[in-house]
Every structure is written in C-alpha cells, then in structure tokens.
Amino acid sequence: MLATLIWIVIFALVTFFALKTWDGAFGSAVKRYAPEVVAPDEDSEFIDRYVWSIAAGILVATLVLNPLSMIITLVLVGVIAFVIGLLLRWALSKVH
C-alpha cells in the first residue's frame, strides 16, 4: 500500500511539473527529441501536452520505485529488437 501511495505522489508531481513546463524546457525537449511520427504538432498540441506529461509521470514514477525491473525490461526490449533486426537482414539477403 505504501509503494502505491509513493508511486501516485511521484506520478502526480512529475505530471504537474511537466504540464507546468510544457511551454518551456519539457515541451521543447519533447518536440526536439521525439520521432516525427509521435512528435507534437500544431493541430493537437493541447492533447499532446497531456499525453506526454502523463507518459513522463508514469515512466519516472516506475523508474523511481522499480529501477531494476525497468532496466531489465529496457535491456530485454533492446535484445529482442536487435535479434529481429538480424533476422530481417538475413531474410532480405535471401530474397535478393
């Protein structure tokens, strides 16, 4: 129960500060570093502000409470992406 309460408090704080700094550092960093497909645009910037802020809140709160699980998950996703890339390159070399 205490871990859940801590997660909610961290989530709320990070989301609040991300929303507060959207027009400043956080928003410009998201616009600069996000891939073009998911980058905020002028048409839906109001919705993007909330989506990116909530996503940052979830990631930071989870990283603070379960850093080892988060690192293991990221490593696992990286290994799976690497293996899929190798398989796709091998398959494409056999096609040509």
N, C-alpha and C. Protein backbone atom coordinates (compact mmCIF):
# COMPACT_ATOMS: atom_id res chain seq x y z
N MET A 1 0.82 -1.20 0.00
CA MET A 1 0.00 0.00 0.00
C MET A 1 0.86 1.27 0.00
N LEU A 2 1.96 1.22 0.77
CA LEU A 2 2.85 2.38 0.83
C LEU A 2 3.53 2.63 -0.52
N ALA A 3 3.91 1.55 -1.20
CA ALA A 3 4.54 1.71 -2.51
C ALA A 3 3.57 2.34 -3.51
N THR A 4 2.32 1.95 -3.44
CA THR A 4 1.30 2.53 -4.34
C THR A 4 1.11 4.01 -4.05
N LEU A 5 1.07 4.36 -2.79
CA LEU A 5 0.91 5.77 -2.42
C LEU A 5 2.11 6.59 -2.87
N ILE A 6 3.30 6.07 -2.70
CA ILE A 6 4.51 6.77 -3.16
C ILE A 6 4.49 6.92 -4.68
N TRP A 7 4.07 5.86 -5.40
CA TRP A 7 4.00 5.93 -6.86
C TRP A 7 3.03 7.02 -7.30
N ILE A 8 1.87 7.08 -6.65
CA ILE A 8 0.86 8.08 -7.02
C ILE A 8 1.38 9.49 -6.76
N VAL A 9 2.06 9.70 -5.64
CA VAL A 9 2.58 11.03 -5.32
C VAL A 9 3.65 11.44 -6.35
N ILE A 10 4.57 10.53 -6.66
CA ILE A 10 5.62 10.85 -7.64
C ILE A 10 5.00 11.10 -9.01
N PHE A 11 4.03 10.27 -9.40
CA PHE A 11 3.33 10.45 -10.68
C PHE A 11 2.67 11.83 -10.74
N ALA A 12 1.97 12.20 -9.68
CA ALA A 12 1.28 13.49 -9.66
C ALA A 12 2.26 14.65 -9.75
N LEU A 13 3.35 14.58 -9.02
CA LEU A 13 4.34 15.66 -9.04
C LEU A 13 5.00 15.80 -10.41
N VAL A 14 5.43 14.69 -10.97
CA VAL A 14 6.10 14.75 -12.28
C VAL A 14 5.13 15.23 -13.36
N THR A 15 3.91 14.74 -13.33
CA THR A 15 2.91 15.18 -14.31
C THR A 15 2.62 16.67 -14.16
N PHE A 16 2.48 17.13 -12.94
CA PHE A 16 2.22 18.55 -12.69
C PHE A 16 3.35 19.42 -13.23
N PHE A 17 4.58 19.06 -12.89
CA PHE A 17 5.71 19.88 -13.34
C PHE A 17 5.94 19.77 -14.85
N ALA A 18 5.62 18.62 -15.43
CA ALA A 18 5.74 18.50 -16.89
C ALA A 18 4.71 19.38 -17.59
N LEU A 19 3.49 19.41 -17.06
CA LEU A 19 2.46 20.29 -17.62
C LEU A 19 2.84 21.76 -17.44
N LYS A 20 3.42 22.07 -16.29
CA LYS A 20 3.78 23.45 -15.99
C LYS A 20 4.91 23.94 -16.90
N THR A 21 5.85 23.06 -17.24
CA THR A 21 7.00 23.47 -18.06
C THR A 21 6.84 23.08 -19.53
N TRP A 22 5.62 22.79 -19.98
CA TRP A 22 5.43 22.40 -21.38
C TRP A 22 5.86 23.51 -22.33
N ASP A 23 5.55 24.75 -21.99
CA ASP A 23 5.93 25.87 -22.87
C ASP A 23 7.40 26.22 -22.73
N GLY A 24 8.08 25.61 -21.79
CA GLY A 24 9.50 25.87 -21.58
C GLY A 24 10.36 24.69 -21.97
N ALA A 25 11.09 24.17 -21.00
CA ALA A 25 12.11 23.15 -21.27
C ALA A 25 11.52 21.80 -21.67
N PHE A 26 10.49 21.33 -20.97
CA PHE A 26 9.97 20.00 -21.26
C PHE A 26 9.34 19.92 -22.65
N GLY A 27 8.52 20.89 -22.98
CA GLY A 27 7.87 20.88 -24.29
C GLY A 27 8.85 20.99 -25.44
N SER A 28 9.84 21.84 -25.28
CA SER A 28 10.82 21.97 -26.37
C SER A 28 11.69 20.72 -26.49
N ALA A 29 11.98 20.06 -25.36
CA ALA A 29 12.74 18.81 -25.42
C ALA A 29 11.95 17.71 -26.11
N VAL A 30 10.66 17.63 -25.82
CA VAL A 30 9.82 16.62 -26.48
C VAL A 30 9.74 16.90 -27.97
N LYS A 31 9.55 18.14 -28.34
CA LYS A 31 9.46 18.49 -29.76
C LYS A 31 10.78 18.24 -30.48
N ARG A 32 11.89 18.42 -29.79
CA ARG A 32 13.20 18.24 -30.40
C ARG A 32 13.58 16.77 -30.54
N TYR A 33 13.32 15.96 -29.52
CA TYR A 33 13.84 14.59 -29.49
C TYR A 33 12.83 13.51 -29.88
N ALA A 34 11.55 13.82 -29.91
CA ALA A 34 10.56 12.80 -30.26
C ALA A 34 10.63 12.52 -31.76
N PRO A 35 10.45 11.26 -32.14
CA PRO A 35 10.40 10.95 -33.58
C PRO A 35 9.25 11.69 -34.25
N GLU A 36 9.38 11.92 -35.53
CA GLU A 36 8.40 12.73 -36.26
C GLU A 36 6.98 12.15 -36.19
N VAL A 37 6.88 10.83 -36.13
CA VAL A 37 5.56 10.19 -36.10
C VAL A 37 4.79 10.53 -34.84
N VAL A 38 5.47 10.62 -33.72
CA VAL A 38 4.79 10.88 -32.45
C VAL A 38 5.05 12.28 -31.90
N ALA A 39 5.75 13.10 -32.64
CA ALA A 39 6.06 14.45 -32.17
C ALA A 39 4.80 15.30 -32.13
N PRO A 40 4.71 16.20 -31.17
CA PRO A 40 3.54 17.08 -31.10
C PRO A 40 3.50 18.03 -32.30
N ASP A 41 2.31 18.26 -32.80
CA ASP A 41 2.15 19.19 -33.91
C ASP A 41 1.20 20.31 -33.49
N GLU A 42 1.02 21.27 -34.36
CA GLU A 42 0.22 22.45 -34.03
C GLU A 42 -1.26 22.13 -33.86
N ASP A 43 -1.76 21.13 -34.60
CA ASP A 43 -3.19 20.82 -34.56
C ASP A 43 -3.63 20.21 -33.23
N SER A 44 -2.83 19.33 -32.69
CA SER A 44 -3.24 18.61 -31.47
C SER A 44 -2.28 18.87 -30.31
N GLU A 45 -1.75 20.07 -30.23
CA GLU A 45 -0.76 20.35 -29.19
C GLU A 45 -1.39 20.31 -27.79
N PHE A 46 -2.65 20.67 -27.67
CA PHE A 46 -3.32 20.63 -26.37
C PHE A 46 -3.41 19.21 -25.84
N ILE A 47 -3.77 18.27 -26.71
CA ILE A 47 -3.87 16.86 -26.30
C ILE A 47 -2.48 16.28 -26.08
N ASP A 48 -1.53 16.61 -26.96
CA ASP A 48 -0.16 16.10 -26.84
C ASP A 48 0.48 16.53 -25.53
N ARG A 49 0.16 17.72 -25.08
CA ARG A 49 0.69 18.21 -23.81
C ARG A 49 0.32 17.27 -22.67
N TYR A 50 -0.92 16.82 -22.62
CA TYR A 50 -1.36 15.92 -21.55
C TYR A 50 -0.84 14.50 -21.74
N VAL A 51 -0.82 14.03 -22.96
CA VAL A 51 -0.34 12.67 -23.21
C VAL A 51 1.13 12.54 -22.84
N TRP A 52 1.97 13.47 -23.29
CA TRP A 52 3.40 13.40 -22.99
C TRP A 52 3.67 13.62 -21.51
N SER A 53 2.91 14.48 -20.86
CA SER A 53 3.12 14.72 -19.43
C SER A 53 2.74 13.50 -18.60
N ILE A 54 1.64 12.86 -18.94
CA ILE A 54 1.22 11.64 -18.22
C ILE A 54 2.22 10.51 -18.48
N ALA A 55 2.69 10.39 -19.71
CA ALA A 55 3.68 9.35 -20.02
C ALA A 55 4.97 9.58 -19.23
N ALA A 56 5.40 10.81 -19.12
CA ALA A 56 6.60 11.12 -18.34
C ALA A 56 6.37 10.80 -16.86
N GLY A 57 5.18 11.10 -16.35
CA GLY A 57 4.86 10.79 -14.96
C GLY A 57 4.90 9.31 -14.68
N ILE A 58 4.33 8.51 -15.58
CA ILE A 58 4.32 7.06 -15.41
C ILE A 58 5.74 6.50 -15.45
N LEU A 59 6.53 6.94 -16.43
CA LEU A 59 7.90 6.43 -16.55
C LEU A 59 8.77 6.79 -15.36
N VAL A 60 8.71 8.02 -14.92
CA VAL A 60 9.55 8.45 -13.80
C VAL A 60 9.12 7.77 -12.50
N ALA A 61 7.82 7.68 -12.26
CA ALA A 61 7.34 7.04 -11.03
C ALA A 61 7.73 5.56 -11.00
N THR A 62 7.62 4.88 -12.12
CA THR A 62 8.01 3.48 -12.18
C THR A 62 9.52 3.33 -12.05
N LEU A 63 10.27 4.22 -12.66
CA LEU A 63 11.72 4.16 -12.56
C LEU A 63 12.21 4.41 -11.14
N VAL A 64 11.54 5.29 -10.41
CA VAL A 64 11.95 5.57 -9.03
C VAL A 64 11.66 4.38 -8.12
N LEU A 65 10.51 3.73 -8.30
CA LEU A 65 10.14 2.63 -7.41
C LEU A 65 10.73 1.29 -7.82
N ASN A 66 10.86 1.02 -9.10
CA ASN A 66 11.37 -0.26 -9.58
C ASN A 66 12.47 -0.07 -10.61
N PRO A 67 13.61 0.47 -10.22
CA PRO A 67 14.64 0.75 -11.23
C PRO A 67 15.20 -0.51 -11.87
N LEU A 68 15.37 -1.57 -11.09
CA LEU A 68 15.93 -2.79 -11.64
C LEU A 68 14.99 -3.42 -12.67
N SER A 69 13.71 -3.46 -12.37
CA SER A 69 12.74 -4.01 -13.31
C SER A 69 12.69 -3.19 -14.60
N MET A 70 12.79 -1.88 -14.46
CA MET A 70 12.75 -1.01 -15.63
C MET A 70 13.99 -1.24 -16.50
N ILE A 71 15.16 -1.35 -15.88
CA ILE A 71 16.40 -1.57 -16.64
C ILE A 71 16.37 -2.93 -17.33
N ILE A 72 15.93 -3.95 -16.62
CA ILE A 72 15.84 -5.28 -17.22
C ILE A 72 14.87 -5.29 -18.39
N THR A 73 13.76 -4.61 -18.25
CA THR A 73 12.79 -4.53 -19.35
C THR A 73 13.39 -3.82 -20.56
N LEU A 74 14.10 -2.71 -20.34
CA LEU A 74 14.72 -1.99 -21.45
C LEU A 74 15.79 -2.83 -22.14
N VAL A 75 16.58 -3.56 -21.36
CA VAL A 75 17.59 -4.44 -21.96
C VAL A 75 16.92 -5.55 -22.77
N LEU A 76 15.87 -6.13 -22.24
CA LEU A 76 15.14 -7.18 -22.94
C LEU A 76 14.54 -6.67 -24.25
N VAL A 77 13.95 -5.49 -24.22
CA VAL A 77 13.39 -4.90 -25.45
C VAL A 77 14.50 -4.64 -26.46
N GLY A 78 15.66 -4.16 -26.00
CA GLY A 78 16.78 -3.92 -26.90
C GLY A 78 17.30 -5.20 -27.53
N VAL A 79 17.42 -6.26 -26.75
CA VAL A 79 17.89 -7.54 -27.30
C VAL A 79 16.89 -8.10 -28.31
N ILE A 80 15.62 -8.02 -28.00
CA ILE A 80 14.60 -8.52 -28.93
C ILE A 80 14.63 -7.71 -30.23
N ALA A 81 14.76 -6.38 -30.13
CA ALA A 81 14.84 -5.56 -31.34
C ALA A 81 16.08 -5.88 -32.15
N PHE A 82 17.20 -6.14 -31.50
CA PHE A 82 18.43 -6.49 -32.19
C PHE A 82 18.28 -7.82 -32.94
N VAL A 83 17.70 -8.82 -32.28
CA VAL A 83 17.51 -10.14 -32.91
C VAL A 83 16.54 -10.03 -34.08
N ILE A 84 15.47 -9.28 -33.93
CA ILE A 84 14.53 -9.11 -35.04
C ILE A 84 15.21 -8.40 -36.21
N GLY A 85 16.05 -7.41 -35.92
CA GLY A 85 16.79 -6.74 -36.99
C GLY A 85 17.73 -7.68 -37.72
N LEU A 86 18.42 -8.54 -36.97
CA LEU A 86 19.29 -9.52 -37.61
C LEU A 86 18.50 -10.49 -38.48
N LEU A 87 17.37 -10.96 -37.98
CA LEU A 87 16.54 -11.88 -38.76
C LEU A 87 15.99 -11.23 -40.02
N LEU A 88 15.59 -9.97 -39.91
CA LEU A 88 15.08 -9.27 -41.10
C LEU A 88 16.19 -9.07 -42.13
N ARG A 89 17.39 -8.71 -41.69
CA ARG A 89 18.50 -8.55 -42.64
C ARG A 89 18.84 -9.88 -43.31
N TRP A 90 18.84 -10.96 -42.54
CA TRP A 90 19.13 -12.28 -43.10
C TRP A 90 18.06 -12.68 -44.12
N ALA A 91 16.79 -12.45 -43.77
CA ALA A 91 15.69 -12.81 -44.67
C ALA A 91 15.73 -11.98 -45.95
N LEU A 92 16.04 -10.69 -45.82
CA LEU A 92 16.11 -9.85 -47.02
C LEU A 92 17.32 -10.21 -47.90
N SER A 93 18.40 -10.69 -47.30
CA SER A 93 19.54 -11.10 -48.12
C SER A 93 19.21 -12.39 -48.89
N LYS A 94 18.35 -13.24 -48.37
CA LYS A 94 17.95 -14.46 -49.06
C LYS A 94 16.94 -14.18 -50.18
N VAL A 95 16.19 -13.11 -50.06
CA VAL A 95 15.19 -12.77 -51.08
C VAL A 95 15.86 -12.28 -52.35
N HIS A 96 16.89 -11.48 -52.20
CA HIS A 96 17.56 -10.92 -53.39
C HIS A 96 18.57 -11.90 -53.83
